[in-house]
């Protein structure tokens, strides 16, 4: 993982990904963007992120994270991830 943040000591769970799409306008120009999230197990809490891409980050449990997220589509992604991980932990 290298972009837009760098997390060391991760194991990517390659069998699953989660995506969201949205449209935004910057300086009068409209953009369509799709963001795909991949799950990973991490061994270190150290994160190096690109300041121009990510203003801030935090490690949070599910309850805290769901309350921090402001966009409905992003909340749905977290709910889907939580459901997936709940089933994955039973395997």
N, C-alpha and C. Protein backbone atom coordinates (compact mmCIF):
# COMPACT_ATOMS: atom_id res chain seq x y z
N UNK A 1 0.84 -1.17 0.00
CA UNK A 1 0.00 0.00 0.00
C UNK A 1 0.89 1.23 0.00
N UNK A 2 0.69 2.08 -0.95
CA UNK A 2 1.53 3.26 -1.02
C UNK A 2 0.78 4.56 -1.23
N UNK A 3 -0.50 4.51 -1.51
CA UNK A 3 -1.14 5.72 -1.94
C UNK A 3 -2.57 5.78 -1.46
N UNK A 4 -3.06 6.85 -0.89
CA UNK A 4 -2.35 8.06 -0.49
C UNK A 4 -1.74 7.98 0.91
N UNK A 5 -1.70 6.80 1.47
CA UNK A 5 -1.04 6.64 2.76
C UNK A 5 -0.18 5.40 2.71
N UNK A 6 0.73 5.32 3.63
CA UNK A 6 1.65 4.19 3.66
C UNK A 6 1.55 3.54 5.03
N UNK A 7 1.07 2.31 5.05
CA UNK A 7 0.96 1.54 6.29
C UNK A 7 1.90 0.36 6.15
N UNK A 8 2.80 0.23 7.08
CA UNK A 8 3.78 -0.86 7.04
C UNK A 8 3.21 -2.09 7.75
N UNK A 9 3.75 -3.24 7.43
CA UNK A 9 3.38 -4.50 8.07
C UNK A 9 1.89 -4.82 7.91
N UNK A 10 1.42 -4.81 6.66
CA UNK A 10 0.02 -5.15 6.42
C UNK A 10 -0.08 -6.44 5.63
N UNK A 11 -1.21 -7.11 5.81
CA UNK A 11 -1.55 -8.29 5.01
C UNK A 11 -2.87 -7.99 4.33
N UNK A 12 -2.84 -7.77 3.04
CA UNK A 12 -4.02 -7.41 2.28
C UNK A 12 -4.96 -8.60 2.16
N UNK A 13 -6.24 -8.37 2.43
CA UNK A 13 -7.27 -9.41 2.24
C UNK A 13 -7.77 -9.25 0.80
N UNK A 14 -7.13 -9.95 -0.10
CA UNK A 14 -7.34 -9.73 -1.53
C UNK A 14 -8.70 -10.18 -2.05
N UNK A 15 -9.41 -10.97 -1.30
CA UNK A 15 -10.65 -11.52 -1.83
C UNK A 15 -11.82 -10.55 -1.79
N UNK A 16 -11.64 -9.37 -1.19
CA UNK A 16 -12.77 -8.46 -1.06
C UNK A 16 -12.31 -7.01 -1.20
N UNK A 17 -13.21 -6.20 -1.78
CA UNK A 17 -12.99 -4.76 -1.83
C UNK A 17 -14.36 -4.09 -1.74
N UNK A 18 -14.35 -2.82 -1.41
CA UNK A 18 -15.58 -2.03 -1.26
C UNK A 18 -15.38 -0.73 -2.01
N UNK A 19 -16.40 -0.28 -2.75
CA UNK A 19 -16.25 0.92 -3.58
C UNK A 19 -17.38 1.90 -3.34
N UNK A 20 -17.05 3.18 -3.54
CA UNK A 20 -18.06 4.23 -3.54
C UNK A 20 -17.74 5.19 -4.67
N UNK A 21 -18.77 5.74 -5.27
CA UNK A 21 -18.62 6.70 -6.36
C UNK A 21 -19.32 7.98 -6.00
N UNK A 22 -18.74 9.09 -6.44
CA UNK A 22 -19.37 10.38 -6.19
C UNK A 22 -18.89 11.39 -7.22
N UNK A 23 -19.60 12.50 -7.27
CA UNK A 23 -19.28 13.59 -8.19
C UNK A 23 -18.98 14.83 -7.34
N UNK A 24 -17.95 15.57 -7.73
CA UNK A 24 -17.63 16.80 -7.03
C UNK A 24 -17.15 17.85 -8.02
N UNK A 25 -17.20 19.10 -7.59
CA UNK A 25 -16.77 20.22 -8.43
C UNK A 25 -15.61 20.92 -7.75
N UNK A 26 -14.58 21.20 -8.53
CA UNK A 26 -13.42 21.93 -8.03
C UNK A 26 -13.05 22.98 -9.08
N UNK A 27 -13.01 24.21 -8.65
CA UNK A 27 -12.66 25.33 -9.51
C UNK A 27 -13.49 25.34 -10.79
N UNK A 28 -14.80 25.09 -10.64
CA UNK A 28 -15.73 25.14 -11.76
C UNK A 28 -15.74 23.91 -12.65
N UNK A 29 -14.90 22.94 -12.38
CA UNK A 29 -14.86 21.72 -13.18
C UNK A 29 -15.46 20.56 -12.39
N UNK A 30 -16.31 19.76 -13.04
CA UNK A 30 -16.98 18.63 -12.40
C UNK A 30 -16.20 17.35 -12.65
N UNK A 31 -16.04 16.57 -11.59
CA UNK A 31 -15.31 15.31 -11.66
C UNK A 31 -16.18 14.18 -11.13
N UNK A 32 -16.07 13.00 -11.74
CA UNK A 32 -16.68 11.78 -11.23
C UNK A 32 -15.54 10.93 -10.68
N UNK A 33 -15.70 10.43 -9.48
CA UNK A 33 -14.62 9.67 -8.85
C UNK A 33 -15.17 8.40 -8.24
N UNK A 34 -14.44 7.32 -8.38
CA UNK A 34 -14.74 6.06 -7.70
C UNK A 34 -13.55 5.72 -6.83
N UNK A 35 -13.83 5.43 -5.57
CA UNK A 35 -12.80 5.06 -4.61
C UNK A 35 -13.03 3.62 -4.22
N UNK A 36 -11.99 2.81 -4.31
CA UNK A 36 -12.08 1.41 -3.92
C UNK A 36 -11.24 1.20 -2.67
N UNK A 37 -11.84 0.60 -1.66
CA UNK A 37 -11.18 0.32 -0.39
C UNK A 37 -10.85 -1.16 -0.33
N UNK A 38 -9.65 -1.47 0.13
CA UNK A 38 -9.22 -2.84 0.32
C UNK A 38 -8.96 -3.06 1.79
N UNK A 39 -9.33 -4.21 2.29
CA UNK A 39 -9.11 -4.52 3.71
C UNK A 39 -7.74 -5.12 3.91
N UNK A 40 -7.15 -4.81 5.05
CA UNK A 40 -5.84 -5.36 5.38
C UNK A 40 -5.74 -5.54 6.89
N UNK A 41 -4.99 -6.52 7.29
CA UNK A 41 -4.64 -6.70 8.69
C UNK A 41 -3.32 -5.98 8.90
N UNK A 42 -3.24 -5.16 9.94
CA UNK A 42 -2.01 -4.40 10.18
C UNK A 42 -1.41 -4.78 11.53
N UNK A 43 -0.09 -4.69 11.60
CA UNK A 43 0.62 -5.03 12.83
C UNK A 43 1.18 -3.79 13.52
N UNK A 44 1.14 -2.66 12.84
CA UNK A 44 1.69 -1.42 13.38
C UNK A 44 0.66 -0.31 13.24
N UNK A 45 0.57 0.56 14.22
CA UNK A 45 -0.36 1.67 14.17
C UNK A 45 0.24 2.90 13.49
N UNK A 46 1.47 2.80 13.01
CA UNK A 46 2.13 3.92 12.38
C UNK A 46 1.65 4.10 10.94
N UNK A 47 1.23 5.32 10.61
CA UNK A 47 0.75 5.64 9.27
C UNK A 47 1.47 6.89 8.79
N UNK A 48 1.96 6.85 7.56
CA UNK A 48 2.52 8.04 6.92
C UNK A 48 1.55 8.40 5.80
N UNK A 49 0.97 9.59 5.87
CA UNK A 49 -0.01 9.96 4.84
C UNK A 49 0.40 11.24 4.11
N UNK A 50 -0.09 11.35 2.89
CA UNK A 50 0.19 12.53 2.06
C UNK A 50 -0.72 13.66 2.51
N UNK A 51 -0.14 14.71 3.04
CA UNK A 51 -0.91 15.82 3.57
C UNK A 51 -1.81 16.47 2.52
N UNK A 52 -1.40 16.47 1.27
CA UNK A 52 -2.23 17.07 0.22
C UNK A 52 -3.45 16.20 -0.12
N UNK A 53 -3.44 14.95 0.27
CA UNK A 53 -4.54 14.03 -0.01
C UNK A 53 -5.44 13.78 1.20
N UNK A 54 -4.84 13.71 2.38
CA UNK A 54 -5.57 13.35 3.59
C UNK A 54 -5.28 14.41 4.66
N UNK A 55 -6.33 15.08 5.12
CA UNK A 55 -6.15 16.13 6.12
C UNK A 55 -5.78 15.55 7.48
N UNK A 56 -6.47 14.50 7.87
CA UNK A 56 -6.23 13.88 9.17
C UNK A 56 -6.69 12.43 9.12
N UNK A 57 -6.24 11.64 10.06
CA UNK A 57 -6.69 10.26 10.16
C UNK A 57 -6.71 9.88 11.65
N UNK A 58 -7.40 8.81 11.94
CA UNK A 58 -7.40 8.28 13.30
C UNK A 58 -7.71 6.79 13.23
N UNK A 59 -7.17 6.04 14.16
CA UNK A 59 -7.58 4.66 14.35
C UNK A 59 -8.79 4.71 15.28
N UNK A 60 -9.86 4.02 14.94
CA UNK A 60 -11.08 4.08 15.75
C UNK A 60 -11.79 2.74 15.72
N UNK A 61 -12.51 2.44 16.81
CA UNK A 61 -13.35 1.25 16.80
C UNK A 61 -14.60 1.57 15.96
N UNK A 62 -15.41 0.56 15.72
CA UNK A 62 -16.56 0.72 14.84
C UNK A 62 -17.51 1.81 15.32
N UNK A 63 -17.86 1.81 16.59
CA UNK A 63 -18.84 2.76 17.12
C UNK A 63 -18.35 4.20 16.96
N UNK A 64 -17.08 4.43 17.25
CA UNK A 64 -16.52 5.78 17.10
C UNK A 64 -16.47 6.17 15.63
N UNK A 65 -16.01 5.25 14.79
CA UNK A 65 -15.87 5.54 13.36
C UNK A 65 -17.21 5.87 12.71
N UNK A 66 -18.24 5.11 13.00
CA UNK A 66 -19.54 5.34 12.36
C UNK A 66 -20.08 6.71 12.74
N UNK A 67 -19.75 7.19 13.95
CA UNK A 67 -20.18 8.52 14.38
C UNK A 67 -19.31 9.64 13.80
N UNK A 68 -18.09 9.34 13.42
CA UNK A 68 -17.21 10.34 12.82
C UNK A 68 -17.50 10.58 11.34
N UNK A 69 -18.01 9.56 10.66
CA UNK A 69 -18.25 9.65 9.21
C UNK A 69 -19.50 10.48 8.95
N UNK A 70 -19.39 11.43 8.02
CA UNK A 70 -20.52 12.32 7.75
C UNK A 70 -21.32 11.95 6.50
N UNK A 71 -20.73 11.25 5.55
CA UNK A 71 -21.43 10.92 4.31
C UNK A 71 -22.12 9.56 4.41
N UNK A 72 -23.39 9.52 3.98
CA UNK A 72 -24.19 8.30 4.08
C UNK A 72 -23.55 7.13 3.33
N UNK A 73 -23.01 7.39 2.14
CA UNK A 73 -22.41 6.32 1.35
C UNK A 73 -21.16 5.76 2.06
N UNK A 74 -20.40 6.61 2.70
CA UNK A 74 -19.22 6.16 3.44
C UNK A 74 -19.63 5.37 4.68
N UNK A 75 -20.70 5.80 5.35
CA UNK A 75 -21.21 5.03 6.49
C UNK A 75 -21.64 3.64 6.05
N UNK A 76 -22.28 3.57 4.87
CA UNK A 76 -22.72 2.27 4.36
C UNK A 76 -21.52 1.36 4.09
N UNK A 77 -20.44 1.93 3.55
CA UNK A 77 -19.22 1.14 3.32
C UNK A 77 -18.73 0.56 4.64
N UNK A 78 -18.66 1.39 5.68
CA UNK A 78 -18.19 0.91 6.98
C UNK A 78 -19.11 -0.17 7.53
N UNK A 79 -20.42 -0.01 7.37
CA UNK A 79 -21.36 -1.03 7.82
C UNK A 79 -21.15 -2.34 7.05
N UNK A 80 -20.92 -2.24 5.75
CA UNK A 80 -20.66 -3.43 4.93
C UNK A 80 -19.36 -4.12 5.35
N UNK A 81 -18.33 -3.32 5.61
CA UNK A 81 -17.05 -3.87 6.07
C UNK A 81 -17.22 -4.56 7.41
N UNK A 82 -17.94 -3.92 8.31
CA UNK A 82 -18.17 -4.50 9.63
C UNK A 82 -18.91 -5.84 9.53
N UNK A 83 -19.91 -5.89 8.67
CA UNK A 83 -20.65 -7.14 8.46
C UNK A 83 -19.74 -8.21 7.87
N UNK A 84 -18.93 -7.84 6.90
CA UNK A 84 -18.01 -8.79 6.28
C UNK A 84 -17.04 -9.34 7.33
N UNK A 85 -16.47 -8.44 8.12
CA UNK A 85 -15.49 -8.88 9.13
C UNK A 85 -16.13 -9.73 10.21
N UNK A 86 -17.38 -9.46 10.54
CA UNK A 86 -18.10 -10.29 11.51
C UNK A 86 -18.22 -11.72 11.02
N UNK A 87 -18.54 -11.87 9.73
CA UNK A 87 -18.63 -13.21 9.14
C UNK A 87 -17.25 -13.83 8.98
N UNK A 88 -16.25 -13.04 8.58
CA UNK A 88 -14.88 -13.51 8.37
C UNK A 88 -14.28 -14.03 9.65
N UNK A 89 -14.57 -13.37 10.78
CA UNK A 89 -14.03 -13.79 12.08
C UNK A 89 -14.60 -15.14 12.54
N UNK A 90 -15.72 -15.54 11.98
CA UNK A 90 -16.34 -16.83 12.35
C UNK A 90 -15.70 -18.01 11.62
N UNK A 91 -14.94 -17.71 10.58
CA UNK A 91 -14.34 -18.79 9.76
C UNK A 91 -13.18 -19.43 10.51
